[in-house]
Protein backbone atom coordinates (compact mmCIF):
# COMPACT_ATOMS: atom_id res chain seq x y z
CA MET A 1 -17.98 -10.67 3.28
CA SER A 2 -21.10 -12.19 5.05
CA ALA A 3 -23.57 -14.07 2.98
CA SER A 4 -26.15 -13.21 5.10
CA ASP A 5 -25.76 -9.15 4.42
CA SER A 6 -28.32 -8.20 2.04
CA HIS A 7 -26.21 -5.12 1.13
CA THR A 8 -23.28 -7.07 0.13
CA ASP A 9 -22.18 -7.01 -3.74
CA HIS A 10 -20.00 -9.47 -5.99
CA PRO A 11 -16.31 -9.15 -5.77
CA HIS A 12 -16.24 -7.93 -9.33
CA GLU A 13 -18.54 -5.12 -8.41
CA GLY A 14 -16.91 -3.97 -5.26
CA GLU A 15 -13.68 -3.68 -7.27
CA ALA A 16 -15.69 -1.59 -9.80
CA ARG A 17 -16.94 0.55 -6.92
CA LEU A 18 -13.51 1.02 -5.66
CA ALA A 19 -12.12 2.09 -9.16
CA LEU A 20 -14.86 4.55 -9.70
CA ALA A 21 -14.15 6.07 -6.44
CA PHE A 22 -10.26 6.42 -7.26
CA ALA A 23 -11.22 8.06 -10.61
CA LEU A 24 -13.47 10.53 -8.85
CA THR A 25 -11.01 11.26 -6.02
CA GLY A 26 -8.25 11.64 -8.78
CA THR A 27 -10.50 14.47 -10.42
CA ALA A 28 -11.10 16.08 -7.01
CA LEU A 29 -7.35 16.08 -6.33
CA ALA A 30 -6.41 17.60 -9.87
CA ALA A 31 -8.86 20.20 -9.35
CA GLU A 32 -7.97 21.43 -5.74
CA ALA A 33 -4.41 21.02 -6.65
CA VAL A 34 -4.71 23.34 -9.49
CA GLY A 35 -7.19 25.60 -8.00
CA GLY A 36 -5.73 26.00 -4.74
CA TRP A 37 -2.25 27.06 -6.62
CA LEU A 38 -4.17 29.63 -8.71
CA ALA A 39 -6.01 30.69 -5.91
CA GLY A 40 -3.22 30.99 -3.58
CA SER A 41 -4.93 29.05 -0.84
CA LEU A 42 -3.20 26.84 1.33
CA ALA A 43 -6.33 25.22 2.72
CA LEU A 44 -7.01 23.92 -0.97
CA LEU A 45 -3.41 22.54 -1.42
CA ALA A 46 -3.73 20.94 2.08
CA ASP A 47 -7.05 19.24 1.24
CA ALA A 48 -5.26 18.14 -2.38
CA GLY A 49 -2.59 16.51 -0.19
CA HIS A 50 -5.14 14.88 1.81
CA LEU A 51 -6.93 13.84 -1.34
CA LEU A 52 -3.55 12.32 -2.75
CA VAL A 53 -3.18 10.24 0.33
CA ASP A 54 -6.78 9.09 0.24
CA ALA A 55 -6.54 8.37 -3.76
CA PHE A 56 -3.46 5.85 -2.61
CA ALA A 57 -5.70 4.34 0.00
CA LEU A 58 -8.55 3.78 -2.56
CA ALA A 59 -6.05 2.39 -5.10
CA ALA A 60 -4.55 0.05 -2.27
CA ALA A 61 -8.04 -1.00 -1.41
CA TRP A 62 -8.63 -1.73 -4.90
CA ALA A 63 -5.55 -3.42 -5.49
CA GLY A 64 -6.21 -5.54 -2.39
CA ALA A 65 -9.63 -6.51 -3.50
CA ARG A 66 -8.14 -7.41 -6.88
CA PHE A 67 -4.93 -9.18 -6.04
CA ALA A 68 -6.67 -10.98 -3.17
CA ARG A 69 -8.44 -13.10 -5.74
CA ARG A 70 -5.21 -14.05 -7.54
CA PRO A 71 -4.20 -17.58 -6.89
CA ALA A 72 -1.45 -18.41 -4.91
CA ASP A 73 1.80 -19.74 -6.74
CA ALA A 74 5.22 -21.69 -5.82
CA ARG A 75 6.79 -18.37 -4.84
CA ARG A 76 4.12 -16.93 -3.02
CA SER A 77 2.09 -19.49 -1.33
CA PHE A 78 -0.23 -17.41 0.46
CA GLY A 79 -0.91 -15.09 -2.49
CA TYR A 80 -0.68 -11.35 -3.00
CA ALA A 81 -2.89 -9.94 -0.24
CA ARG A 82 -0.05 -8.36 1.84
CA LEU A 83 0.46 -5.90 -1.22
CA GLU A 84 -2.28 -3.91 0.23
CA VAL A 85 -0.58 -3.66 3.60
CA LEU A 86 2.97 -2.63 1.99
CA VAL A 87 1.34 0.01 -0.13
CA GLY A 88 -0.80 1.28 3.25
CA TYR A 89 2.59 1.43 5.04
CA THR A 90 4.26 3.48 2.42
CA ASN A 91 1.08 5.84 1.98
CA ALA A 92 1.24 6.50 5.65
CA LEU A 93 4.86 7.43 5.81
CA ALA A 94 4.24 9.86 2.67
CA GLN A 95 1.40 11.51 4.44
CA LEU A 96 3.32 12.45 7.40
CA LEU A 97 5.84 14.06 5.40
CA LEU A 98 3.19 15.90 3.50
CA VAL A 99 1.87 17.16 7.12
CA ALA A 100 5.09 18.35 8.04
CA TRP A 101 5.48 20.39 4.98
CA ILE A 102 1.57 21.82 5.21
CA VAL A 103 2.48 22.88 8.92
CA ILE A 104 5.81 24.67 8.11
CA GLU A 105 3.92 26.46 5.34
CA ALA A 106 0.78 27.22 7.43
CA LEU A 107 2.91 28.80 10.31
CA LEU A 108 4.88 30.91 7.66
CA ARG A 109 1.58 32.14 6.46
CA LEU A 110 0.12 32.98 9.92
CA HIS A 111 3.36 35.29 10.20
CA ALA A 112 2.84 36.80 6.75
CA PRO A 113 -0.67 36.12 5.22
CA GLU A 114 -0.80 36.18 1.30
CA PRO A 115 -3.73 37.39 -0.99
CA ILE A 116 -6.50 34.65 -1.84
CA ARG A 117 -8.91 34.54 -4.81
CA THR A 118 -11.94 33.84 -2.62
CA THR A 119 -14.47 33.19 -5.37
CA LEU A 120 -12.15 30.58 -6.99
CA MET A 121 -11.42 29.27 -3.73
CA PHE A 122 -14.93 28.63 -3.11
CA ALA A 123 -15.91 27.18 -6.25
CA ILE A 124 -13.01 24.63 -6.32
CA ALA A 125 -13.97 23.51 -2.64
CA ALA A 126 -17.65 23.48 -3.24
CA ALA A 127 -16.69 21.20 -6.43
CA GLY A 128 -14.53 19.08 -4.24
CA ALA A 129 -17.26 18.57 -1.63
CA ALA A 130 -19.88 17.54 -4.42
CA ILE A 131 -17.36 15.02 -5.71
CA ASN A 132 -16.64 13.52 -2.24
CA LEU A 133 -20.63 13.17 -1.85
CA ALA A 134 -20.25 11.17 -5.33
CA VAL A 135 -17.33 8.98 -4.02
CA LEU A 136 -19.28 8.08 -0.95
CA GLY A 137 -22.39 7.16 -3.07
CA ALA A 138 -20.03 5.06 -5.37
CA LEU A 139 -18.53 3.24 -2.46
CA GLY A 140 -21.98 2.19 -1.47
CA ARG A 141 -22.58 0.18 1.56
CA HIS A 142 -20.28 -2.70 2.61
CA ALA A 143 -20.30 -5.65 4.56
CA HIS A 144 -19.08 -5.48 8.18
CA ASP A 145 -15.91 -7.47 7.68
CA ASP A 146 -15.13 -5.52 4.39
CA VAL A 147 -12.29 -3.42 5.78
CA ASN A 148 -10.99 -2.25 2.57
CA ARG A 149 -14.29 -0.14 1.74
CA ALA A 150 -14.80 0.68 5.40
CA GLY A 151 -11.46 2.35 5.61
CA ALA A 152 -11.96 3.99 2.14
CA ARG A 153 -15.33 5.39 3.39
CA LEU A 154 -13.64 6.90 6.26
CA HIS A 155 -11.00 8.55 4.17
CA VAL A 156 -13.69 10.00 1.98
CA ILE A 157 -15.59 11.56 4.87
CA GLY A 158 -12.33 13.20 6.15
CA ASP A 159 -12.11 14.63 2.45
CA LEU A 160 -15.65 15.83 2.66
CA LEU A 161 -15.08 17.69 5.82
CA GLY A 162 -11.86 19.45 4.40
CA SER A 163 -13.71 20.61 1.33
CA LEU A 164 -16.25 22.12 3.50
CA GLY A 165 -13.97 23.77 5.58
CA ALA A 166 -12.24 25.03 2.87
CA ALA A 167 -15.52 26.38 1.43
CA LEU A 168 -16.43 28.26 4.85
CA GLY A 169 -12.59 29.55 4.85
CA ALA A 170 -13.45 31.22 1.51
CA LEU A 171 -16.65 32.97 2.61
CA LEU A 172 -15.02 34.16 5.82
CA ILE A 173 -11.99 35.64 3.86
CA ALA A 174 -14.50 37.24 1.50
CA GLY A 175 -16.76 38.48 4.14
CA LEU A 176 -14.58 39.45 6.91
CA GLY A 177 -10.87 39.68 5.46
CA TRP A 178 -9.74 37.04 7.58
CA LEU A 179 -6.69 35.69 5.86
CA TRP A 180 -5.38 34.12 8.73
CA ILE A 181 -8.35 31.63 8.47
CA ASP A 182 -6.85 29.89 5.36
CA ALA A 183 -3.93 28.81 7.45
CA ALA A 184 -5.88 27.98 10.35
CA ILE A 185 -8.04 25.54 8.35
CA SER A 186 -4.79 24.14 6.67
CA LEU A 187 -3.34 23.41 10.26
CA ALA A 188 -6.68 21.54 11.05
CA VAL A 189 -6.35 19.51 7.88
CA ALA A 190 -3.14 18.66 8.60
CA LEU A 191 -4.21 17.32 12.17
CA LEU A 192 -6.81 15.12 10.66
CA MET A 193 -4.29 13.80 8.20
CA SER A 194 -1.79 13.09 10.91
CA ARG A 195 -4.09 11.09 12.77
CA SER A 196 -5.33 8.98 9.92
CA ALA A 197 -1.67 8.50 8.90
CA TRP A 198 -0.54 7.53 12.39
CA THR A 199 -3.50 5.16 12.61
CA LEU A 200 -2.49 3.59 9.05
CA LEU A 201 1.10 3.33 9.94
CA ARG A 202 0.54 1.77 13.42
CA ARG A 203 -2.03 -0.84 12.04
CA SER A 204 0.34 -1.55 8.85
CA ALA A 205 3.44 -1.86 10.64
CA HIS A 206 1.51 -4.21 13.19
CA ILE A 207 0.47 -6.48 10.54
CA LEU A 208 3.96 -6.73 8.93
CA LEU A 209 5.35 -7.69 12.01
CA GLU A 210 2.78 -10.56 12.27
CA GLY A 211 1.23 -9.04 15.44
CA THR A 212 -2.01 -10.64 17.01
CA PRO A 213 -4.90 -8.91 15.77
CA GLU A 214 -6.56 -6.30 17.57
CA GLY A 215 -9.15 -7.37 19.84
CA LEU A 216 -7.88 -11.20 20.06
CA GLU A 217 -6.04 -12.92 22.82
CA THR A 218 -4.23 -15.98 22.39
CA ALA A 219 -5.00 -16.89 25.75
CA ALA A 220 -8.70 -16.63 25.01
CA VAL A 221 -8.05 -18.83 21.96
CA ALA A 222 -6.48 -21.55 24.15
CA ALA A 223 -8.83 -21.64 26.92
CA THR A 224 -12.02 -21.67 24.46
CA LEU A 225 -10.64 -24.44 22.32
CA ARG A 226 -9.68 -26.45 25.75
CA ALA A 227 -13.47 -25.88 26.83
CA GLU A 228 -15.27 -26.65 23.55
CA ALA A 229 -12.90 -29.04 21.67
CA GLY A 230 -12.31 -31.59 24.38
CA VAL A 231 -8.49 -31.26 24.12
CA GLY A 232 -6.31 -31.82 27.06
CA ASP A 233 -3.86 -28.82 26.48
CA VAL A 234 -3.47 -25.99 23.70
CA HIS A 235 -0.11 -24.49 23.46
CA HIS A 236 2.31 -22.65 20.97
CA VAL A 237 -0.63 -20.65 19.79
CA HIS A 238 0.03 -17.77 17.11
CA VAL A 239 -2.28 -15.71 15.20
CA TRP A 240 -1.57 -13.00 12.68
CA GLN A 241 -2.98 -11.12 9.51
CA LEU A 242 -2.00 -11.49 5.81
CA ALA A 243 -3.96 -8.16 5.43
CA GLY A 244 -6.77 -6.64 7.24
CA GLY A 245 -9.41 -9.28 8.33
CA ARG A 246 -7.41 -12.12 7.15
CA ARG A 247 -6.34 -14.11 9.92
CA LEU A 248 -4.26 -17.17 10.16
CA ALA A 249 -3.24 -19.65 13.25
CA THR A 250 -0.86 -22.20 14.27
CA LEU A 251 -1.10 -23.98 17.28
CA HIS A 252 -0.41 -27.29 19.38
CA VAL A 253 -2.87 -29.35 21.03
CA ARG A 254 -2.59 -32.47 23.26
CA LEU A 255 -5.80 -34.83 22.96
CA GLY A 256 -7.82 -35.68 25.90
CA ALA A 257 -7.79 -39.30 27.14
CA HIS A 258 -10.79 -40.45 24.80
CA ALA A 259 -10.70 -37.90 22.11
CA GLU A 260 -10.38 -38.85 18.45
CA ALA A 261 -8.05 -36.75 16.34
CA ALA A 262 -10.34 -36.32 13.44
CA THR A 263 -13.26 -35.22 15.52
CA ALA A 264 -11.01 -32.81 17.69
CA LEU A 265 -9.37 -31.26 14.46
CA ALA A 266 -12.67 -30.68 12.78
CA THR A 267 -14.17 -29.03 16.25
CA ILE A 268 -10.81 -26.86 16.41
CA GLN A 269 -11.20 -25.67 12.92
CA ARG A 270 -14.91 -24.90 13.28
CA VAL A 271 -14.31 -22.91 16.73
CA LEU A 272 -11.53 -20.91 15.21
CA ARG A 273 -13.58 -20.13 12.05
CA GLU A 274 -16.85 -19.03 13.93
CA ARG A 275 -15.65 -17.82 17.26
CA PHE A 276 -12.49 -15.99 16.15
CA LEU A 277 -12.82 -15.56 12.48
CA ILE A 278 -9.89 -17.41 11.45
CA PRO A 279 -10.54 -19.58 8.31
CA HIS A 280 -7.09 -21.06 8.14
CA ALA A 281 -5.14 -22.68 10.78
CA THR A 282 -2.27 -25.27 11.05
CA ILE A 283 -2.88 -27.45 13.93
CA GLN A 284 0.06 -30.05 15.33
CA ILE A 285 -1.20 -32.79 17.61
CA ASP A 286 1.33 -33.61 20.19
CA HIS A 287 1.11 -37.15 22.06
CA ASP A 288 3.10 -36.10 24.89
CA ASP A 289 3.18 -32.96 27.26
CA CYS A 290 4.96 -29.96 25.95
CA ALA A 291 8.28 -29.83 26.96
CA GLY A 292 9.71 -26.66 25.62
CA ALA A 293 10.54 -23.50 27.61
CA GLY A 294 8.15 -21.49 25.58
CA CYS A 295 5.08 -23.68 25.42
CA HIS A 296 3.01 -21.26 27.20
CA GLU A 297 4.91 -18.18 26.46
CA PRO A 298 2.20 -16.45 23.96
CA ALA A 299 -0.79 -16.78 26.17
CA ALA A 300 1.11 -15.86 29.25
CA ARG A 301 2.42 -12.68 27.35
CA ASP A 302 -1.44 -11.89 26.42
CA GLN A 303 -2.71 -12.29 29.73
CA THR A 304 -0.34 -10.01 31.40
CA GLY A 305 -0.38 -7.48 28.37
């Protein structure tokens, strides 16, 4: 979180905002699940499913913010930050299963529509929209690199659109008798859910596989260090993430003819921190040319990929 951002808040305040957002989302979830069941509205039940997933997302964001502050120990030398990624991966898989159920149920209802209590459906959907607006207010603004709260806001905006869609569907059913619109809205919500679930699954899996962070190339890291740190060569460059936004790196360098090790290391650390947002790096100084077959493999792969 950038110190220069005037809209940032204390870490404890950020956790409190996420906890409040989770409580409000849980309230909306319970209301839409019960209301959807009583009203016979699949659109409300689908939006409740979306809320369930997003409640997990908010809980993961809260856990990530809280556990990230726990000190590392002998068994977990990097701490507990990756818990956020594990929860997110599980969350995405559960969401895809829920999407499959909604699609099947919606297709059945398109074939044989069921009666819907539109007054109750509209009241619950409107209440859900109001709660989602309150959740957005509770989350507040966030720093540019606060991926937890940025992701949470995107989820809540999706929930808000789902609630508004269900409210519109209730009005159309009451005014025009279009029972099929409930299933159609459910399919739209399922599509929204599947897109966010796939994005979350892909991103979580990439982090768990220790893939290079999106938008970063190890070849660019090596080239920048050679140009700015005054080193003769940079190889064996690996960059990965513990969790969203928390980058780490390991690399080998060969010093230039007149370079001093201490100065070169300090420059490398500064460049990695300021140019590539990598606050923690393990750097090995090689006194001879790299003789291994895979010395330049990561950089070459990035250039061709």
